[in-house]
């Protein structure tokens, strides 16, 4: 699970991984992985979630990876939630099954995530 803003970014990532993939920032803007995946022909599905509208949930069916991103700030608060900024990825997790996605859609609706 990605939680680099909470754990110190680059300092928490194993040196072998940093050597292969480069520096890891504390903040990962959701538009960056979405764009990189789209450029490779990999799409993310929006999934309704209990945390909407404050957060959005996205799912990649082939890998069963889910991504939660901060979507909006609470009224009257700065555009930051703890160490996270609006638009940041909150978490990247695996595995989210098709059954879990179907459950979320049945429970929280088929509309925008």
Protein backbone atom coordinates (compact mmCIF):
# COMPACT_ATOMS: atom_id res chain seq x y z
CA UNK A 1 0.00 0.00 0.00
CA UNK A 2 1.30 3.47 -0.89
CA UNK A 3 1.32 5.79 2.12
CA UNK A 4 4.58 7.63 1.48
CA UNK A 5 3.34 10.96 2.84
CA UNK A 6 2.82 9.33 6.23
CA UNK A 7 6.04 7.34 6.25
CA UNK A 8 8.63 9.76 4.87
CA UNK A 9 8.61 9.25 1.11
CA UNK A 10 11.96 8.25 -0.32
CA UNK A 11 13.38 7.26 3.08
CA UNK A 12 10.92 4.37 3.47
CA UNK A 13 11.42 2.87 0.00
CA UNK A 14 13.98 0.08 -0.25
CA UNK A 15 17.28 1.15 -1.86
CA UNK A 16 17.08 -1.56 -4.56
CA UNK A 17 13.66 -0.25 -5.62
CA UNK A 18 14.93 3.38 -5.63
CA UNK A 19 17.96 2.33 -7.72
CA UNK A 20 15.69 0.72 -10.30
CA UNK A 21 12.80 3.24 -10.37
CA UNK A 22 14.29 6.47 -9.08
CA UNK A 23 13.22 8.86 -6.35
CA UNK A 24 9.86 8.49 -4.59
CA UNK A 25 8.19 11.75 -3.56
CA UNK A 26 6.04 12.07 -0.47
CA UNK A 27 3.10 13.16 -2.63
CA UNK A 28 1.82 11.28 -5.66
CA UNK A 29 -0.72 13.23 -7.68
CA UNK A 30 -3.47 10.92 -8.98
CA UNK A 31 -3.38 12.40 -12.47
CA UNK A 32 0.22 11.17 -12.94
CA UNK A 33 -0.33 7.40 -12.59
CA UNK A 34 -3.67 7.68 -14.40
CA UNK A 35 -1.94 9.40 -17.34
CA UNK A 36 1.00 6.95 -17.37
CA UNK A 37 -1.34 3.96 -17.29
CA UNK A 38 -3.53 5.43 -20.05
CA UNK A 39 -0.43 5.93 -22.22
CA UNK A 40 0.17 2.17 -21.85
CA UNK A 41 -3.41 1.32 -22.71
CA UNK A 42 -4.31 0.44 -19.12
CA UNK A 43 -7.53 1.97 -17.85
CA UNK A 44 -8.86 2.53 -14.38
CA UNK A 45 -12.55 2.12 -13.59
CA UNK A 46 -14.23 4.54 -11.19
CA UNK A 47 -15.95 2.70 -8.35
CA UNK A 48 -18.56 4.19 -5.99
CA UNK A 49 -17.23 4.34 -2.45
CA UNK A 50 -18.38 5.11 1.07
CA UNK A 51 -15.84 7.97 1.30
CA UNK A 52 -17.26 9.91 -1.68
CA UNK A 53 -17.23 12.78 -2.39
CA UNK A 54 -14.13 13.44 -0.24
CA UNK A 55 -12.26 10.57 -1.89
CA UNK A 56 -12.50 8.66 -5.14
CA UNK A 57 -11.91 4.94 -5.61
CA UNK A 58 -10.46 3.58 -8.85
CA UNK A 59 -9.85 -0.03 -9.89
CA UNK A 60 -7.71 -1.78 -12.47
CA UNK A 61 -9.52 -5.05 -13.27
CA UNK A 62 -6.61 -7.07 -14.70
CA UNK A 63 -4.28 -6.42 -11.76
CA UNK A 64 -7.05 -6.03 -9.15
CA UNK A 65 -5.24 -2.97 -7.81
CA UNK A 66 -7.30 -0.17 -6.29
CA UNK A 67 -6.34 3.47 -5.88
CA UNK A 68 -7.93 5.96 -3.48
CA UNK A 69 -7.37 9.67 -4.15
CA UNK A 70 -8.43 12.80 -2.27
CA UNK A 71 -10.99 14.62 -4.39
CA UNK A 72 -12.15 17.62 -2.42
CA UNK A 73 -11.49 19.40 0.81
CA UNK A 74 -13.88 19.76 3.67
CA UNK A 75 -15.68 23.11 3.79
CA UNK A 76 -13.60 25.84 5.42
CA UNK A 77 -10.43 23.77 5.63
CA UNK A 78 -7.23 24.28 3.64
CA UNK A 79 -6.62 22.04 0.60
CA UNK A 80 -4.78 19.53 2.77
CA UNK A 81 -5.85 16.50 4.79
CA UNK A 82 -3.09 15.73 7.25
CA UNK A 83 -0.01 15.22 5.12
CA UNK A 84 -2.07 14.82 1.95
CA UNK A 85 -3.11 17.43 -0.60
CA UNK A 86 -6.33 17.41 -2.58
CA UNK A 87 -5.59 15.40 -5.72
CA UNK A 88 -3.00 13.18 -3.99
CA UNK A 89 -3.15 9.42 -3.99
CA UNK A 90 -4.09 8.28 -0.50
CA UNK A 91 -3.47 4.58 -1.05
CA UNK A 92 -2.69 1.94 -3.66
CA UNK A 93 -3.77 -1.53 -2.62
CA UNK A 94 -4.13 -5.03 -3.93
CA UNK A 95 -6.27 -7.03 -4.37
CA UNK A 96 -9.74 -5.72 -4.95
CA UNK A 97 -11.83 -8.41 -6.59
CA UNK A 98 -14.61 -8.00 -9.12
CA UNK A 99 -17.01 -9.17 -6.41
CA UNK A 100 -15.91 -6.31 -4.13
CA UNK A 101 -16.38 -3.81 -6.97
CA UNK A 102 -19.87 -5.23 -7.65
CA UNK A 103 -20.70 -4.96 -3.93
CA UNK A 104 -19.60 -1.30 -3.87
CA UNK A 105 -21.66 -0.56 -6.97
CA UNK A 106 -24.73 -2.23 -5.46
CA UNK A 107 -24.25 -0.51 -2.10
CA UNK A 108 -23.16 3.00 -3.15
CA UNK A 109 -24.66 3.29 -6.65
CA UNK A 110 -23.42 3.03 -10.22
CA UNK A 111 -22.87 6.79 -10.62
CA UNK A 112 -19.68 8.80 -10.39
CA UNK A 113 -17.17 7.61 -7.82
